[in-house]
């Protein structure tokens, strides 16, 4: 699979997940929120109800998530072959017409995270090797 195909596949998957969330009524959304109690990132930040739903659909027993580099900094490594989970991450772009006011357009992009069950602790040798690499 080439890069363009991978991007198209990721976009299609994100669209499918977002549409399934949109079809939920308010009581179903509240039930998901109550049942999960909120999923947090490795940094302790709570995720939105939409991202909670996206994660549950992809991995029902998800508990604590983080990006590849976040897990590395926390002394854990994502196991080889694990597939990332998609969430929506806010991003900004300066509005070219209103730059003097400093306004920014907010939009969402797909982000990749991994559940703690997809990681394992770094061995001492791995940790010392990774400490030699630059933080990316």
N, C-alpha and C. Protein backbone atom coordinates (compact mmCIF):
# COMPACT_ATOMS: atom_id res chain seq x y z
N UNK A 1 0.85 -1.17 0.00
CA UNK A 1 0.00 0.00 0.00
C UNK A 1 0.89 1.24 0.00
N UNK A 2 0.62 2.15 -0.92
CA UNK A 2 1.43 3.37 -0.97
C UNK A 2 0.85 4.42 -0.03
N UNK A 3 1.56 5.54 0.08
CA UNK A 3 1.19 6.58 1.04
C UNK A 3 -0.19 7.18 0.74
N UNK A 4 -0.49 7.43 -0.54
CA UNK A 4 -1.78 8.01 -0.91
C UNK A 4 -2.92 7.08 -0.54
N UNK A 5 -2.74 5.78 -0.76
CA UNK A 5 -3.77 4.80 -0.41
C UNK A 5 -3.99 4.76 1.10
N UNK A 6 -2.89 4.82 1.85
CA UNK A 6 -2.99 4.79 3.31
C UNK A 6 -3.74 6.02 3.82
N UNK A 7 -3.46 7.19 3.25
CA UNK A 7 -4.15 8.42 3.65
C UNK A 7 -5.63 8.32 3.31
N UNK A 8 -5.95 7.85 2.12
CA UNK A 8 -7.35 7.71 1.70
C UNK A 8 -8.09 6.72 2.60
N UNK A 9 -7.42 5.63 2.97
CA UNK A 9 -8.03 4.63 3.85
C UNK A 9 -8.29 5.22 5.24
N UNK A 10 -7.35 6.00 5.75
CA UNK A 10 -7.50 6.63 7.06
C UNK A 10 -8.65 7.63 7.04
N UNK A 11 -8.75 8.43 5.97
CA UNK A 11 -9.84 9.40 5.86
C UNK A 11 -11.20 8.69 5.79
N UNK A 12 -11.27 7.62 5.05
CA UNK A 12 -12.53 6.87 4.93
C UNK A 12 -12.94 6.28 6.27
N UNK A 13 -11.99 5.75 7.00
CA UNK A 13 -12.26 5.18 8.32
C UNK A 13 -12.75 6.26 9.29
N UNK A 14 -12.09 7.42 9.28
CA UNK A 14 -12.48 8.51 10.16
C UNK A 14 -13.88 9.00 9.80
N UNK A 15 -14.19 9.10 8.52
CA UNK A 15 -15.52 9.54 8.09
C UNK A 15 -16.59 8.54 8.54
N UNK A 16 -16.30 7.27 8.39
CA UNK A 16 -17.24 6.22 8.82
C UNK A 16 -17.50 6.30 10.32
N UNK A 17 -16.45 6.48 11.12
CA UNK A 17 -16.60 6.57 12.57
C UNK A 17 -17.37 7.82 12.98
N UNK A 18 -17.05 8.95 12.35
CA UNK A 18 -17.75 10.20 12.67
C UNK A 18 -19.23 10.11 12.31
N UNK A 19 -19.55 9.49 11.20
CA UNK A 19 -20.95 9.33 10.81
C UNK A 19 -21.70 8.42 11.77
N UNK A 20 -21.05 7.38 12.26
CA UNK A 20 -21.72 6.49 13.22
C UNK A 20 -22.00 7.23 14.53
N UNK A 21 -21.10 8.14 14.94
CA UNK A 21 -21.34 8.94 16.13
C UNK A 21 -22.52 9.88 15.91
N UNK A 22 -22.60 10.47 14.72
CA UNK A 22 -23.67 11.41 14.42
C UNK A 22 -25.04 10.75 14.45
N UNK A 23 -25.10 9.47 14.19
CA UNK A 23 -26.38 8.75 14.20
C UNK A 23 -26.89 8.44 15.61
N UNK A 24 -26.04 8.59 16.62
CA UNK A 24 -26.46 8.32 18.00
C UNK A 24 -27.40 9.40 18.49
N UNK A 25 -28.43 9.00 19.26
CA UNK A 25 -29.26 10.03 19.88
C UNK A 25 -28.64 10.43 21.22
N UNK A 26 -29.21 11.45 21.84
CA UNK A 26 -28.63 12.01 23.07
C UNK A 26 -28.53 10.97 24.18
N UNK A 27 -29.54 10.12 24.34
CA UNK A 27 -29.51 9.12 25.41
C UNK A 27 -28.39 8.10 25.20
N UNK A 28 -28.13 7.74 23.94
CA UNK A 28 -27.04 6.81 23.64
C UNK A 28 -25.69 7.46 23.94
N UNK A 29 -25.55 8.73 23.63
CA UNK A 29 -24.29 9.44 23.92
C UNK A 29 -24.06 9.53 25.42
N UNK A 30 -25.11 9.83 26.16
CA UNK A 30 -24.98 9.90 27.63
C UNK A 30 -24.64 8.54 28.22
N UNK A 31 -25.20 7.48 27.67
CA UNK A 31 -24.90 6.13 28.15
C UNK A 31 -23.42 5.79 27.93
N UNK A 32 -22.89 6.16 26.79
CA UNK A 32 -21.47 5.93 26.52
C UNK A 32 -20.62 6.69 27.53
N UNK A 33 -20.97 7.93 27.77
CA UNK A 33 -20.24 8.76 28.72
C UNK A 33 -20.30 8.17 30.13
N UNK A 34 -21.48 7.74 30.54
CA UNK A 34 -21.65 7.16 31.88
C UNK A 34 -20.88 5.85 32.02
N UNK A 35 -20.99 5.02 31.00
CA UNK A 35 -20.35 3.70 31.04
C UNK A 35 -18.82 3.80 31.08
N UNK A 36 -18.28 4.73 30.33
CA UNK A 36 -16.83 4.82 30.25
C UNK A 36 -16.23 5.66 31.36
N UNK A 37 -16.95 6.64 31.84
CA UNK A 37 -16.38 7.48 32.89
C UNK A 37 -15.26 8.37 32.38
N UNK A 38 -15.08 8.41 31.11
CA UNK A 38 -14.06 9.28 30.52
C UNK A 38 -12.72 8.59 30.35
N UNK A 39 -12.23 8.61 29.16
CA UNK A 39 -10.91 8.07 28.85
C UNK A 39 -9.93 9.23 28.92
N UNK A 40 -8.77 8.99 29.43
CA UNK A 40 -7.75 10.04 29.58
C UNK A 40 -6.51 9.70 28.75
N UNK A 41 -5.76 10.76 28.48
CA UNK A 41 -4.48 10.57 27.80
C UNK A 41 -3.42 10.25 28.85
N UNK A 42 -2.28 9.82 28.40
CA UNK A 42 -1.18 9.51 29.31
C UNK A 42 -0.76 10.75 30.10
N UNK A 43 -1.05 11.92 29.56
CA UNK A 43 -0.72 13.18 30.24
C UNK A 43 -1.81 13.60 31.23
N UNK A 44 -2.88 12.79 31.34
CA UNK A 44 -3.95 13.07 32.30
C UNK A 44 -5.09 13.91 31.77
N UNK A 45 -5.06 14.25 30.50
CA UNK A 45 -6.13 15.07 29.93
C UNK A 45 -7.34 14.22 29.55
N UNK A 46 -8.55 14.67 29.92
CA UNK A 46 -9.74 13.90 29.52
C UNK A 46 -10.02 14.09 28.03
N UNK A 47 -10.58 13.07 27.42
CA UNK A 47 -10.94 13.17 26.01
C UNK A 47 -12.41 13.56 25.88
N UNK A 48 -12.74 14.14 24.76
CA UNK A 48 -14.13 14.54 24.50
C UNK A 48 -15.00 13.30 24.35
N UNK A 49 -16.31 13.50 24.45
CA UNK A 49 -17.25 12.40 24.27
C UNK A 49 -17.10 11.80 22.88
N UNK A 50 -16.91 12.64 21.88
CA UNK A 50 -16.75 12.13 20.51
C UNK A 50 -15.50 11.25 20.40
N UNK A 51 -14.37 11.70 20.93
CA UNK A 51 -13.16 10.88 20.87
C UNK A 51 -13.30 9.62 21.71
N UNK A 52 -14.00 9.72 22.84
CA UNK A 52 -14.26 8.53 23.66
C UNK A 52 -15.02 7.51 22.83
N UNK A 53 -16.05 7.96 22.15
CA UNK A 53 -16.84 7.06 21.30
C UNK A 53 -15.98 6.46 20.19
N UNK A 54 -15.20 7.29 19.52
CA UNK A 54 -14.34 6.79 18.44
C UNK A 54 -13.41 5.69 18.94
N UNK A 55 -12.86 5.88 20.13
CA UNK A 55 -11.95 4.88 20.69
C UNK A 55 -12.69 3.59 21.07
N UNK A 56 -13.87 3.72 21.68
CA UNK A 56 -14.63 2.53 22.09
C UNK A 56 -15.01 1.68 20.89
N UNK A 57 -15.40 2.33 19.80
CA UNK A 57 -15.78 1.59 18.59
C UNK A 57 -14.58 0.81 18.06
N UNK A 58 -13.40 1.39 18.14
CA UNK A 58 -12.21 0.75 17.60
C UNK A 58 -11.60 -0.29 18.55
N UNK A 59 -11.73 -0.03 19.86
CA UNK A 59 -11.13 -0.92 20.86
C UNK A 59 -11.98 -0.82 22.13
N UNK A 60 -12.95 -1.73 22.30
CA UNK A 60 -13.93 -1.62 23.40
C UNK A 60 -13.34 -1.51 24.80
N UNK A 61 -12.19 -2.07 25.07
CA UNK A 61 -11.63 -2.03 26.43
C UNK A 61 -10.54 -0.98 26.59
N UNK A 62 -10.58 0.07 25.77
CA UNK A 62 -9.59 1.13 25.85
C UNK A 62 -9.65 1.81 27.21
N UNK A 63 -8.48 2.22 27.72
CA UNK A 63 -8.47 2.84 29.05
C UNK A 63 -7.61 4.10 29.11
N UNK A 64 -6.39 4.03 28.65
CA UNK A 64 -5.44 5.14 28.73
C UNK A 64 -4.71 5.21 27.39
N UNK A 65 -4.73 6.38 26.75
CA UNK A 65 -4.16 6.48 25.41
C UNK A 65 -3.05 7.52 25.34
N UNK A 66 -2.20 7.35 24.36
CA UNK A 66 -1.14 8.31 24.10
C UNK A 66 -0.56 8.06 22.72
N UNK A 67 0.12 9.07 22.21
CA UNK A 67 0.80 8.94 20.93
C UNK A 67 2.09 8.16 21.10
N UNK A 68 2.68 7.79 19.99
CA UNK A 68 3.90 6.98 20.01
C UNK A 68 4.99 7.64 20.85
N UNK A 69 5.24 8.93 20.60
CA UNK A 69 6.29 9.63 21.34
C UNK A 69 5.92 9.84 22.81
N UNK A 70 4.64 10.03 23.11
CA UNK A 70 4.20 10.17 24.51
C UNK A 70 4.48 8.89 25.29
N UNK A 71 4.23 7.75 24.69
CA UNK A 71 4.51 6.48 25.37
C UNK A 71 6.02 6.33 25.57
N UNK A 72 6.78 6.71 24.57
CA UNK A 72 8.24 6.60 24.66
C UNK A 72 8.77 7.44 25.83
N UNK A 73 8.26 8.67 25.96
CA UNK A 73 8.68 9.54 27.05
C UNK A 73 8.26 8.98 28.41
N UNK A 74 7.19 8.21 28.42
CA UNK A 74 6.69 7.63 29.67
C UNK A 74 7.37 6.29 30.01
N UNK A 75 8.35 5.90 29.20
CA UNK A 75 9.09 4.67 29.48
C UNK A 75 8.41 3.41 28.97
N UNK A 76 7.54 3.58 27.99
CA UNK A 76 6.87 2.43 27.38
C UNK A 76 7.07 2.51 25.87
N UNK A 77 6.94 1.37 25.21
CA UNK A 77 7.10 1.33 23.76
C UNK A 77 5.90 0.59 23.16
N UNK A 78 5.42 1.06 22.03
CA UNK A 78 4.31 0.40 21.34
C UNK A 78 4.84 -0.89 20.74
N UNK A 79 4.11 -1.98 21.00
CA UNK A 79 4.53 -3.28 20.47
C UNK A 79 4.49 -3.28 18.94
N UNK A 80 5.43 -3.95 18.35
CA UNK A 80 5.53 -4.04 16.90
C UNK A 80 4.25 -4.67 16.33
N UNK A 81 3.74 -4.06 15.27
CA UNK A 81 2.56 -4.58 14.59
C UNK A 81 1.23 -4.05 15.11
N UNK A 82 1.25 -3.28 16.20
CA UNK A 82 0.00 -2.73 16.74
C UNK A 82 -0.54 -1.65 15.81
N UNK A 83 -1.84 -1.63 15.65
CA UNK A 83 -2.50 -0.64 14.80
C UNK A 83 -2.96 0.53 15.66
N UNK A 84 -2.73 1.74 15.17
CA UNK A 84 -3.12 2.93 15.94
C UNK A 84 -4.63 3.10 15.93
N UNK A 85 -5.10 3.85 16.93
CA UNK A 85 -6.51 4.20 17.03
C UNK A 85 -6.65 5.65 16.57
N UNK A 86 -7.71 5.93 15.85
CA UNK A 86 -7.90 7.27 15.31
C UNK A 86 -8.76 8.12 16.23
N UNK A 87 -8.34 9.37 16.46
CA UNK A 87 -9.13 10.36 17.18
C UNK A 87 -9.08 11.67 16.40
N UNK A 88 -9.90 12.62 16.80
CA UNK A 88 -9.88 13.94 16.17
C UNK A 88 -9.09 14.89 17.06
N UNK A 89 -8.12 15.58 16.47
CA UNK A 89 -7.27 16.52 17.21
C UNK A 89 -7.48 17.93 16.66
N UNK A 90 -7.68 18.92 17.55
CA UNK A 90 -7.84 20.29 17.06
C UNK A 90 -6.52 20.84 16.52
N UNK A 91 -6.64 21.65 15.50
CA UNK A 91 -5.49 22.32 14.90
C UNK A 91 -5.93 23.73 14.52
N UNK A 92 -4.99 24.61 14.36
CA UNK A 92 -5.32 25.99 13.98
C UNK A 92 -4.51 26.42 12.77
N UNK A 93 -5.09 27.39 12.08
CA UNK A 93 -4.39 27.99 10.95
C UNK A 93 -4.78 29.45 10.96
N UNK A 94 -3.82 30.32 10.77
CA UNK A 94 -4.11 31.75 10.77
C UNK A 94 -4.95 32.10 9.55
N UNK A 95 -5.96 32.91 9.81
CA UNK A 95 -6.82 33.40 8.74
C UNK A 95 -6.06 34.52 8.03
N UNK A 96 -5.73 34.35 6.77
CA UNK A 96 -4.89 35.30 6.04
C UNK A 96 -5.52 36.68 5.95
N UNK A 97 -6.85 36.76 5.93
CA UNK A 97 -7.52 38.05 5.81
C UNK A 97 -7.51 38.82 7.12
N UNK A 98 -7.38 38.12 8.25
CA UNK A 98 -7.49 38.79 9.55
C UNK A 98 -6.24 38.60 10.39
N UNK A 99 -5.08 38.55 9.76
CA UNK A 99 -3.84 38.30 10.50
C UNK A 99 -3.51 39.40 11.48
N UNK A 100 -3.89 40.64 11.18
CA UNK A 100 -3.57 41.73 12.11
C UNK A 100 -4.35 41.59 13.42
N UNK A 101 -5.51 40.94 13.39
CA UNK A 101 -6.28 40.72 14.60
C UNK A 101 -5.84 39.44 15.32
N UNK A 102 -5.03 38.65 14.65
CA UNK A 102 -4.52 37.43 15.25
C UNK A 102 -5.52 36.29 15.30
N UNK A 103 -6.58 36.35 14.52
CA UNK A 103 -7.59 35.30 14.53
C UNK A 103 -7.06 34.05 13.82
N UNK A 104 -7.46 32.93 14.34
CA UNK A 104 -7.04 31.66 13.75
C UNK A 104 -8.27 30.81 13.46
N UNK A 105 -8.24 30.08 12.36
CA UNK A 105 -9.29 29.12 12.04
C UNK A 105 -8.99 27.84 12.79
N UNK A 106 -9.99 27.27 13.42
CA UNK A 106 -9.82 26.00 14.13
C UNK A 106 -10.48 24.92 13.29
N UNK A 107 -9.76 23.82 13.11
CA UNK A 107 -10.28 22.67 12.38
C UNK A 107 -9.74 21.41 13.05
N UNK A 108 -10.20 20.26 12.61
CA UNK A 108 -9.79 19.00 13.22
C UNK A 108 -9.09 18.12 12.20
N UNK A 109 -8.05 17.43 12.69
CA UNK A 109 -7.32 16.48 11.87
C UNK A 109 -7.33 15.13 12.58
N UNK A 110 -7.12 14.07 11.83
CA UNK A 110 -7.04 12.74 12.43
C UNK A 110 -5.72 12.57 13.15
N UNK A 111 -5.79 12.02 14.36
CA UNK A 111 -4.58 11.75 15.14
C UNK A 111 -4.50 10.26 15.47
N UNK A 112 -3.31 9.78 15.66
CA UNK A 112 -3.08 8.37 15.97
C UNK A 112 -2.65 8.21 17.42
N UNK A 113 -3.35 7.35 18.16
CA UNK A 113 -2.99 7.06 19.54
C UNK A 113 -3.00 5.55 19.74
N UNK A 114 -2.41 5.12 20.84
CA UNK A 114 -2.36 3.71 21.20
C UNK A 114 -2.83 3.56 22.64
N UNK A 115 -3.55 2.48 22.92
CA UNK A 115 -3.99 2.18 24.28
C UNK A 115 -2.80 1.59 25.04
N UNK A 116 -2.85 1.71 26.36
CA UNK A 116 -1.75 1.17 27.18
C UNK A 116 -1.60 -0.34 26.98
N UNK A 117 -2.69 -1.03 26.64
CA UNK A 117 -2.61 -2.47 26.40
C UNK A 117 -1.82 -2.81 25.14
N UNK A 118 -1.56 -1.82 24.30
CA UNK A 118 -0.78 -2.01 23.09
C UNK A 118 0.70 -1.71 23.30
N UNK A 119 1.07 -1.41 24.54
CA UNK A 119 2.45 -1.03 24.85
C UNK A 119 3.06 -2.00 25.84
N UNK A 120 4.35 -1.88 26.02
CA UNK A 120 5.06 -2.65 27.04
C UNK A 120 6.19 -1.79 27.59
N UNK A 121 6.61 -2.06 28.82
CA UNK A 121 7.69 -1.26 29.40
C UNK A 121 8.99 -1.43 28.61
N UNK A 122 9.75 -0.37 28.54
CA UNK A 122 11.06 -0.43 27.91
C UNK A 122 12.02 -1.21 28.80
N UNK A 123 12.88 -2.00 28.20
CA UNK A 123 13.93 -2.64 28.98
C UNK A 123 15.00 -1.59 29.25
N UNK A 124 15.88 -1.85 30.16
CA UNK A 124 16.96 -0.90 30.48
C UNK A 124 17.81 -0.62 29.26
N UNK A 125 18.11 -1.65 28.47
CA UNK A 125 18.93 -1.48 27.27
C UNK A 125 18.20 -0.61 26.24
N UNK A 126 16.90 -0.85 26.05
CA UNK A 126 16.13 -0.06 25.09
C UNK A 126 16.06 1.40 25.54
N UNK A 127 15.84 1.61 26.81
CA UNK A 127 15.73 2.98 27.34
C UNK A 127 17.03 3.74 27.14
N UNK A 128 18.17 3.07 27.39
CA UNK A 128 19.44 3.76 27.23
C UNK A 128 19.73 4.04 25.75
N UNK A 129 19.32 3.14 24.86
CA UNK A 129 19.50 3.36 23.42
C UNK A 129 18.62 4.51 22.95
N UNK A 130 17.36 4.52 23.39
CA UNK A 130 16.45 5.59 22.98
C UNK A 130 16.86 6.95 23.52
N UNK A 131 17.53 6.97 24.65
CA UNK A 131 17.95 8.26 25.22
C UNK A 131 19.02 8.91 24.36
N UNK A 132 19.68 8.14 23.52
CA UNK A 132 20.70 8.67 22.63
C UNK A 132 20.10 9.30 21.38
N UNK A 133 18.85 8.92 21.06
CA UNK A 133 18.19 9.43 19.87
C UNK A 133 17.56 10.80 20.16
N UNK A 134 17.48 11.64 19.14
CA UNK A 134 16.84 12.95 19.33
C UNK A 134 15.33 12.77 19.52
N UNK A 135 14.73 13.66 20.31
CA UNK A 135 13.29 13.65 20.45
C UNK A 135 12.67 14.21 19.18
N UNK A 136 11.77 13.45 18.59
CA UNK A 136 11.15 13.87 17.33
C UNK A 136 9.76 14.37 17.61
